[in-house]
Each structure stands twice: as C-alpha cells, then as structure tokens.
Amino acid sequence: MINEEKVQWLFDVENIKQLKHRYCAYCDDGYDADGITSLFVEEGVWDGGLFGRHEGRAEIYAFFSGASKLISFANHYVCNPIIEIEGDKASGRWDLWQPMVSEPETQACWLMAKYKELYVKIEDKWFFKQLEVQALALSPYEQGFAKQRFVETS
C-alpha cells in the first residue's frame, strides 16, 4: 500500500538524482562555476581528492572558475546511486566513468571514481553539503588503466 511517507521518500530520492544530474551537466558545460556553486549550501565542501579540497561557496566558485584550464573536455556518466534519506538530511554514493581531456598537455584520459556525498534539504529543495571524489583511476586514453593507473596532476 502506498502511503505519504513512501511517496515523500520517492520524491526526495528523485530530487537528489536531479541535483546530481544538474551537477554533471554543469561540469560537462565547461565547468559552469555559477551553476555548480548554486547546488551547494553556503558552507558546502567540494573535495576533489587529486584536484584539491574547497570549502564554502566562494572557494568552490574560485576552483571551478579555472577548472576548464585543467580539464578542457569532460563527459560525466554517473550510475549505481545508493541514497539514504533521514528527514532533511541524506547521503549518497555514486560511480563515475568520465572520458576527459586533461590540460595543459591536451591528453585524452579516462577517470573512474566513487562519489561520496552529503545532502541537506532547505525549503523542500536539496543541496550538496559535501561532495567527495575518490579517484580509482585517471589514466591516459592510449595506455588505459591496466598499464598506467594515474597520470600526473598539478
């Protein structure tokens, strides 16, 4: 039997998925700093592992304003979400497969990573509180992750 609690859970999970998909779309659109930053709470954290940790909207904006100089092309494919809802807070895990072009050497690469995320709902809208990228491989396209698991990052 469908009840209000189950419907709310479905609504929340779908809205968190939409939040994640908007994040990926902004990243794939030249790392749109305004768009990405708008998805985080003011005190949010973006922890990119190899790409640094940035706390608060101002730092997140500053990083993504220059991200296209590090990655000139990206296409984020996220899948396998596990989303746990607890009232107005939630956590999520996602898998990432991302073909990309790394700069300044203009090198085609594969990025495989796990996302670990915390979300918060404010006035019925979900935002990122923390987004962490745990890279499993950042490999040159030509070599692949079997021969070279990670390229040098600056």
C-alpha atoms as a PDB file:
ATOM      1  CA  MET A   1       0.000   0.000   0.000  1.00  0.00           C
ATOM      2  CA  ILE A   2       1.313   3.435  -0.927  1.00  0.00           C
ATOM      3  CA  ASN A   3       1.429   5.933   1.914  1.00  0.00           C
ATOM      4  CA  GLU A   4       2.576   9.515   2.288  1.00  0.00           C
ATOM      5  CA  GLU A   5       5.958   8.510   3.757  1.00  0.00           C
ATOM      6  CA  LYS A   6       6.813   6.289   0.778  1.00  0.00           C
ATOM      7  CA  VAL A   7       5.775   8.966  -1.697  1.00  0.00           C
ATOM      8  CA  GLN A   8       7.946  11.531   0.147  1.00  0.00           C
ATOM      9  CA  TRP A   9      10.898   9.111   0.030  1.00  0.00           C
ATOM     10  CA  LEU A  10      10.474   8.657  -3.740  1.00  0.00           C
ATOM     11  CA  PHE A  11      10.158  12.429  -4.212  1.00  0.00           C
ATOM     12  CA  ASP A  12      13.329  13.065  -2.185  1.00  0.00           C
ATOM     13  CA  VAL A  13      15.372  10.368  -3.942  1.00  0.00           C
ATOM     14  CA  GLU A  14      14.327  11.649  -7.373  1.00  0.00           C
ATOM     15  CA  ASN A  15      15.175  15.233  -6.419  1.00  0.00           C
ATOM     16  CA  ILE A  16      18.630  14.180  -5.201  1.00  0.00           C
ATOM     17  CA  LYS A  17      19.161  12.353  -8.507  1.00  0.00           C
ATOM     18  CA  GLN A  18      18.168  15.531 -10.351  1.00  0.00           C
ATOM     19  CA  LEU A  19      20.625  17.525  -8.197  1.00  0.00           C
ATOM     20  CA  LYS A  20      23.395  15.110  -9.196  1.00  0.00           C
ATOM     21  CA  HIS A  21      22.439  15.224 -12.861  1.00  0.00           C
ATOM     22  CA  ARG A  22      22.441  19.056 -12.819  1.00  0.00           C
ATOM     23  CA  TYR A  23      25.919  18.957 -11.266  1.00  0.00           C
ATOM     24  CA  CYS A  24      27.144  16.672 -14.077  1.00  0.00           C
ATOM     25  CA  ALA A  25      25.506  18.844 -16.746  1.00  0.00           C
ATOM     26  CA  TYR A  26      27.185  21.989 -15.370  1.00  0.00           C
ATOM     27  CA  CYS A  27      30.545  20.184 -15.276  1.00  0.00           C
ATOM     28  CA  ASP A  28      30.110  18.991 -18.854  1.00  0.00           C
ATOM     29  CA  ASP A  29      29.242  22.541 -19.936  1.00  0.00           C
ATOM     30  CA  GLY A  30      32.764  23.893 -19.429  1.00  0.00           C
ATOM     31  CA  TYR A  31      32.602  23.624 -15.627  1.00  0.00           C
ATOM     32  CA  ASP A  32      29.980  26.336 -15.213  1.00  0.00           C
ATOM     33  CA  ALA A  33      31.109  27.831 -11.880  1.00  0.00           C
ATOM     34  CA  ASP A  34      27.858  29.731 -11.253  1.00  0.00           C
ATOM     35  CA  GLY A  35      25.747  26.656 -11.890  1.00  0.00           C
ATOM     36  CA  ILE A  36      27.895  24.284  -9.834  1.00  0.00           C
ATOM     37  CA  THR A  37      28.169  26.696  -6.905  1.00  0.00           C
ATOM     38  CA  SER A  38      24.388  27.183  -6.827  1.00  0.00           C
ATOM     39  CA  LEU A  39      23.974  23.483  -5.987  1.00  0.00           C
ATOM     40  CA  PHE A  40      25.891  23.776  -2.686  1.00  0.00           C
ATOM     41  CA  VAL A  41      24.873  25.212   0.673  1.00  0.00           C
ATOM     42  CA  GLU A  42      26.901  28.275   1.710  1.00  0.00           C
ATOM     43  CA  GLU A  43      29.245  26.213   3.915  1.00  0.00           C
ATOM     44  CA  GLY A  44      29.414  23.322   1.422  1.00  0.00           C
ATOM     45  CA  VAL A  45      32.558  21.331   0.697  1.00  0.00           C
ATOM     46  CA  TRP A  46      33.798  20.046  -2.662  1.00  0.00           C
ATOM     47  CA  ASP A  47      36.635  17.565  -2.062  1.00  0.00           C
ATOM     48  CA  GLY A  48      38.106  16.537  -5.394  1.00  0.00           C
ATOM     49  CA  GLY A  49      40.925  14.429  -3.970  1.00  0.00           C
ATOM     50  CA  LEU A  50      43.547  14.776  -6.727  1.00  0.00           C
ATOM     51  CA  PHE A  51      42.026  18.170  -7.603  1.00  0.00           C
ATOM     52  CA  GLY A  52      42.024  19.640  -4.078  1.00  0.00           C
ATOM     53  CA  ARG A  53      39.530  20.423  -1.341  1.00  0.00           C
ATOM     54  CA  HIS A  54      37.459  23.606  -1.442  1.00  0.00           C
ATOM     55  CA  GLU A  55      35.300  24.771   1.465  1.00  0.00           C
ATOM     56  CA  GLY A  56      32.447  27.256   1.143  1.00  0.00           C
ATOM     57  CA  ARG A  57      30.773  28.604  -1.961  1.00  0.00           C
ATOM     58  CA  ALA A  58      33.472  31.219  -2.578  1.00  0.00           C
ATOM     59  CA  GLU A  59      36.264  28.612  -2.716  1.00  0.00           C
ATOM     60  CA  ILE A  60      34.138  26.227  -4.793  1.00  0.00           C
ATOM     61  CA  TYR A  61      33.385  29.045  -7.236  1.00  0.00           C
ATOM     62  CA  ALA A  62      37.059  30.058  -7.442  1.00  0.00           C
ATOM     63  CA  PHE A  63      38.136  26.499  -8.220  1.00  0.00           C
ATOM     64  CA  PHE A  64      35.508  25.852 -10.883  1.00  0.00           C
ATOM     65  CA  SER A  65      36.138  29.255 -12.491  1.00  0.00           C
ATOM     66  CA  GLY A  66      39.522  27.873 -13.571  1.00  0.00           C
ATOM     67  CA  ALA A  67      38.631  24.186 -13.929  1.00  0.00           C
ATOM     68  CA  SER A  68      38.368  24.319 -17.725  1.00  0.00           C
ATOM     69  CA  LYS A  69      42.088  25.183 -17.788  1.00  0.00           C
ATOM     70  CA  LEU A  70      42.729  21.796 -16.116  1.00  0.00           C
ATOM     71  CA  ILE A  71      40.056  19.806 -17.955  1.00  0.00           C
ATOM     72  CA  SER A  72      39.060  21.178 -21.354  1.00  0.00           C
ATOM     73  CA  PHE A  73      36.518  18.421 -22.069  1.00  0.00           C
ATOM     74  CA  ALA A  74      34.540  16.142 -19.774  1.00  0.00           C
ATOM     75  CA  ASN A  75      31.513  13.935 -20.076  1.00  0.00           C
ATOM     76  CA  HIS A  76      30.298  12.630 -16.711  1.00  0.00           C
ATOM     77  CA  TYR A  77      28.492   9.290 -16.613  1.00  0.00           C
ATOM     78  CA  VAL A  78      27.173   8.574 -13.118  1.00  0.00           C
ATOM     79  CA  CYS A  79      25.387   5.401 -12.117  1.00  0.00           C
ATOM     80  CA  ASN A  80      24.603   2.968  -9.298  1.00  0.00           C
ATOM     81  CA  PRO A  81      23.286   5.517  -6.803  1.00  0.00           C
ATOM     82  CA  ILE A  82      22.755   4.439  -3.223  1.00  0.00           C
ATOM     83  CA  ILE A  83      20.798   7.189  -1.481  1.00  0.00           C
ATOM     84  CA  GLU A  84      19.873   7.098   2.199  1.00  0.00           C
ATOM     85  CA  ILE A  85      17.277   9.628   3.406  1.00  0.00           C
ATOM     86  CA  GLU A  86      16.963  10.726   7.038  1.00  0.00           C
ATOM     87  CA  GLY A  87      14.458  13.570   7.227  1.00  0.00           C
ATOM     88  CA  ASP A  88      16.040  16.724   5.776  1.00  0.00           C
ATOM     89  CA  LYS A  89      19.477  15.098   5.504  1.00  0.00           C
ATOM     90  CA  ALA A  90      20.710  12.390   3.184  1.00  0.00           C
ATOM     91  CA  SER A  91      23.834  10.625   1.983  1.00  0.00           C
ATOM     92  CA  GLY A  92      24.671   9.194  -1.395  1.00  0.00           C
ATOM     93  CA  ARG A  93      27.230   7.093  -3.221  1.00  0.00           C
ATOM     94  CA  TRP A  94      27.671   7.056  -6.997  1.00  0.00           C
ATOM     95  CA  ASP A  95      30.066   5.546  -9.531  1.00  0.00           C
ATOM     96  CA  LEU A  96      31.672   7.834 -12.128  1.00  0.00           C
ATOM     97  CA  TRP A  97      33.041   6.968 -15.562  1.00  0.00           C
ATOM     98  CA  GLN A  98      34.377  10.044 -17.320  1.00  0.00           C
ATOM     99  CA  PRO A  99      36.164  10.443 -20.637  1.00  0.00           C
ATOM    100  CA  MET A 100      38.029  13.738 -20.479  1.00  0.00           C
ATOM    101  CA  VAL A 101      40.839  15.859 -21.881  1.00  0.00           C
ATOM    102  CA  SER A 102      43.449  16.910 -19.340  1.00  0.00           C
ATOM    103  CA  GLU A 103      45.399  20.139 -19.800  1.00  0.00           C
ATOM    104  CA  PRO A 104      47.902  21.699 -20.344  1.00  0.00           C
ATOM    105  CA  GLU A 105      49.317  18.670 -22.234  1.00  0.00           C
ATOM    106  CA  THR A 106      45.970  18.126 -24.029  1.00  0.00           C
ATOM    107  CA  GLN A 107      45.825  14.445 -23.136  1.00  0.00           C
ATOM    108  CA  ALA A 108      42.761  12.244 -23.524  1.00  0.00           C
ATOM    109  CA  CYS A 109      42.115  10.387 -20.259  1.00  0.00           C
ATOM    110  CA  TRP A 110      39.713   8.064 -18.507  1.00  0.00           C
ATOM    111  CA  LEU A 111      38.588   8.936 -15.000  1.00  0.00           C
ATOM    112  CA  MET A 112      36.961   6.313 -12.797  1.00  0.00           C
ATOM    113  CA  ALA A 113      35.858   7.405  -9.340  1.00  0.00           C
ATOM    114  CA  LYS A 114      33.448   6.959  -6.480  1.00  0.00           C
ATOM    115  CA  TYR A 115      31.408   9.894  -5.215  1.00  0.00           C
ATOM    116  CA  LYS A 116      30.533  10.099  -1.526  1.00  0.00           C
ATOM    117  CA  GLU A 117      28.038  12.874  -0.823  1.00  0.00           C
ATOM    118  CA  LEU A 118      26.034  14.510   1.932  1.00  0.00           C
ATOM    119  CA  TYR A 119      22.871  16.447   1.137  1.00  0.00           C
ATOM    120  CA  VAL A 120      20.584  18.783   3.031  1.00  0.00           C
ATOM    121  CA  LYS A 121      17.029  19.857   2.219  1.00  0.00           C
ATOM    122  CA  ILE A 122      16.209  23.538   2.654  1.00  0.00           C
ATOM    123  CA  GLU A 123      12.655  24.723   1.967  1.00  0.00           C
ATOM    124  CA  ASP A 124      11.862  21.499   0.066  1.00  0.00           C
ATOM    125  CA  LYS A 125      14.964  21.769  -2.175  1.00  0.00           C
ATOM    126  CA  TRP A 126      18.035  19.518  -1.926  1.00  0.00           C
ATOM    127  CA  PHE A 127      21.620  20.868  -1.944  1.00  0.00           C
ATOM    128  CA  PHE A 128      25.077  19.388  -1.618  1.00  0.00           C
ATOM    129  CA  LYS A 129      26.584  19.765   1.839  1.00  0.00           C
ATOM    130  CA  GLN A 130      29.658  17.758   0.879  1.00  0.00           C
ATOM    131  CA  LEU A 131      30.776  16.127  -2.349  1.00  0.00           C
ATOM    132  CA  GLU A 132      33.872  13.924  -2.272  1.00  0.00           C
ATOM    133  CA  VAL A 133      35.535  12.400  -5.339  1.00  0.00           C
ATOM    134  CA  GLN A 134      37.575   9.270  -4.674  1.00  0.00           C
ATOM    135  CA  ALA A 135      39.565   8.578  -7.854  1.00  0.00           C
ATOM    136  CA  LEU A 136      40.185   4.934  -8.692  1.00  0.00           C
ATOM    137  CA  ALA A 137      41.998   5.717 -11.948  1.00  0.00           C
ATOM    138  CA  LEU A 138      42.958   8.743 -14.030  1.00  0.00           C
ATOM    139  CA  SER A 139      44.578   7.054 -16.986  1.00  0.00           C
ATOM    140  CA  PRO A 140      45.834   8.137 -20.391  1.00  0.00           C
ATOM    141  CA  TYR A 141      43.445   7.002 -23.114  1.00  0.00           C
ATOM    142  CA  GLU A 142      46.263   5.339 -25.079  1.00  0.00           C
ATOM    143  CA  GLN A 143      47.642   3.407 -22.080  1.00  0.00           C
ATOM    144  CA  GLY A 144      44.443   2.593 -20.259  1.00  0.00           C
ATOM    145  CA  PHE A 145      44.154   1.925 -16.548  1.00  0.00           C
ATOM    146  CA  ALA A 146      45.769  -1.524 -16.824  1.00  0.00           C
ATOM    147  CA  LYS A 147      49.120  -0.035 -17.864  1.00  0.00           C
ATOM    148  CA  GLN A 148      49.027   3.382 -16.162  1.00  0.00           C
ATOM    149  CA  ARG A 149      46.520   3.856 -13.356  1.00  0.00           C
ATOM    150  CA  PHE A 150      47.213   7.574 -12.713  1.00  0.00           C
ATOM    151  CA  VAL A 151      48.636  10.460 -14.724  1.00  0.00           C
ATOM    152  CA  GLU A 152      50.450  13.337 -13.047  1.00  0.00           C
ATOM    153  CA  THR A 153      48.177  16.126 -11.808  1.00  0.00           C
ATOM    154  CA  SER A 154      49.255  19.597 -10.800  1.00  0.00           C
END
